[in-house]
Amino acid sequence: MPLDAALTLGFGGSFSHDLISPFDAQLYNRLQHGQKNTGSVFGSLAWIIDRSSVLQTGIQLNSEHGFLSDPYSLVSVGDEIRSDLRPDTRTSAAWLVRYRHAFASLKPRCI
């Protein structure tokens, strides 16, 4: 979405719903069914500085809820082997700052 000739705003989002059904759950005494929901939103601002340069910044927020462990991973704790166990909620954020510059052709000159 252009704000003016040199400034652009970008935004978006996503959502996913995952169903987890490991094929060998009973054989290895693992979780038989689970689910996970993931939502993500982002926004960015890009500024055209000149013909060759752009400065961009953006932020992304993610939120996950549900079964976040890996049903196929095992962890060794001392003498015990345990299943992977993670919290059922995870929130993360990422911030980006990027400068892009296009250089003139780098073809060698013939003398």
Protein backbone atom coordinates (compact mmCIF):
# COMPACT_ATOMS: atom_id res chain seq x y z
CA MET A 1 0.00 0.00 0.00
CA PRO A 2 1.80 3.19 -1.13
CA LEU A 3 1.71 6.00 1.43
CA ASP A 4 3.39 8.43 -0.95
CA ALA A 5 5.76 8.16 -3.93
CA ALA A 6 8.69 7.00 -1.77
CA LEU A 7 7.02 5.21 1.18
CA THR A 8 5.22 1.84 1.10
CA LEU A 9 3.41 -0.02 3.87
CA GLY A 10 3.15 -3.81 3.74
CA PHE A 11 1.11 -6.11 5.98
CA GLY A 12 -0.25 -9.64 6.12
CA GLY A 13 -1.07 -12.60 8.24
CA SER A 14 -1.53 -16.34 8.29
CA PHE A 15 -3.20 -19.08 10.31
CA SER A 16 -2.71 -22.84 10.31
CA HIS A 17 -4.46 -25.69 12.10
CA ASP A 18 -2.44 -28.91 12.25
CA LEU A 19 -3.69 -32.34 13.28
CA ILE A 20 -1.04 -34.70 14.65
CA SER A 21 -1.49 -38.47 14.37
CA PRO A 22 1.82 -40.35 14.58
CA PHE A 23 1.57 -43.64 12.65
CA ASP A 24 3.45 -45.67 15.29
CA ALA A 25 2.03 -44.09 18.45
CA GLN A 26 0.85 -47.32 20.11
CA LEU A 27 4.01 -49.24 19.23
CA TYR A 28 6.25 -46.70 21.01
CA ASN A 29 3.76 -45.43 23.62
CA ARG A 30 3.58 -41.95 22.04
CA LEU A 31 0.82 -39.39 21.77
CA GLN A 32 -1.92 -40.79 19.54
CA HIS A 33 -3.66 -37.54 18.54
CA GLY A 34 -2.93 -33.86 18.99
CA GLN A 35 -3.45 -30.50 17.36
CA LYS A 36 -1.61 -27.22 16.96
CA ASN A 37 -2.80 -23.75 15.93
CA THR A 38 -0.39 -21.13 14.64
CA GLY A 39 -1.16 -17.47 13.89
CA SER A 40 1.22 -14.92 12.43
CA VAL A 41 0.98 -11.23 11.52
CA PHE A 42 3.54 -8.90 10.01
CA GLY A 43 3.91 -5.30 8.97
CA SER A 44 6.66 -3.47 7.12
CA LEU A 45 7.59 -0.02 5.94
CA ALA A 46 9.85 0.57 2.92
CA TRP A 47 11.36 3.93 2.01
CA ILE A 48 12.89 4.59 -1.42
CA ILE A 49 15.86 6.81 -0.69
CA ASP A 50 17.02 7.32 -4.29
CA ARG A 51 17.14 5.44 -7.62
CA SER A 52 19.52 2.84 -6.21
CA SER A 53 18.70 2.60 -2.48
CA VAL A 54 15.82 1.29 -0.37
CA LEU A 55 15.54 1.12 3.42
CA GLN A 56 13.03 -1.33 4.89
CA THR A 57 11.94 -2.23 8.42
CA GLY A 58 9.34 -4.70 9.58
CA ILE A 59 8.06 -6.74 12.49
CA GLN A 60 6.53 -10.21 12.67
CA LEU A 61 4.60 -11.73 15.60
CA ASN A 62 3.87 -15.47 15.90
CA SER A 63 1.66 -17.31 18.37
CA GLU A 64 1.46 -21.12 18.64
CA HIS A 65 -0.94 -23.10 20.85
CA GLY A 66 -1.46 -26.82 21.27
CA PHE A 67 0.87 -29.79 20.94
CA LEU A 68 4.30 -28.29 20.18
CA SER A 69 6.48 -31.26 21.16
CA ASP A 70 8.03 -33.59 18.59
CA PRO A 71 6.33 -37.00 18.97
CA TYR A 72 9.31 -38.72 17.31
CA SER A 73 12.07 -37.22 19.50
CA LEU A 74 13.49 -38.88 22.57
CA VAL A 75 15.77 -37.16 25.09
CA SER A 76 18.37 -38.78 27.32
CA VAL A 77 18.17 -37.39 30.89
CA GLY A 78 20.72 -39.15 33.10
CA ASP A 79 19.93 -42.86 32.83
CA GLU A 80 16.40 -42.27 31.53
CA ILE A 81 15.08 -41.93 27.98
CA ARG A 82 12.15 -39.49 27.91
CA SER A 83 9.82 -38.19 25.25
CA ASP A 84 10.31 -34.64 24.02
CA LEU A 85 8.14 -32.35 26.17
CA ARG A 86 7.65 -28.66 25.39
CA PRO A 87 5.23 -26.00 26.68
CA ASP A 88 1.85 -25.88 24.92
CA THR A 89 2.15 -22.15 24.12
CA ARG A 90 4.89 -20.26 22.32
CA THR A 91 5.02 -16.60 21.30
CA SER A 92 7.82 -15.08 19.26
CA ALA A 93 8.66 -11.80 17.56
CA ALA A 94 11.18 -10.80 14.91
CA TRP A 95 12.30 -7.36 13.78
CA LEU A 96 13.98 -6.72 10.43
CA VAL A 97 15.96 -3.73 9.21
CA ARG A 98 17.33 -3.98 5.67
CA TYR A 99 19.20 -1.61 3.38
CA ARG A 100 19.41 -2.51 -0.30
CA HIS A 101 21.59 -0.75 -2.86
CA ALA A 102 21.98 -1.48 -6.57
CA PHE A 103 25.49 -0.85 -7.87
CA ALA A 104 26.35 0.25 -11.38
CA SER A 105 27.53 -2.44 -13.76
CA LEU A 106 30.79 -4.02 -12.65
CA LYS A 107 31.91 -4.88 -16.20
CA PRO A 108 35.67 -4.34 -16.63
CA ARG A 109 36.65 -1.47 -18.87
CA CYS A 110 38.90 -2.13 -21.85
CA ILE A 111 41.90 0.19 -21.98
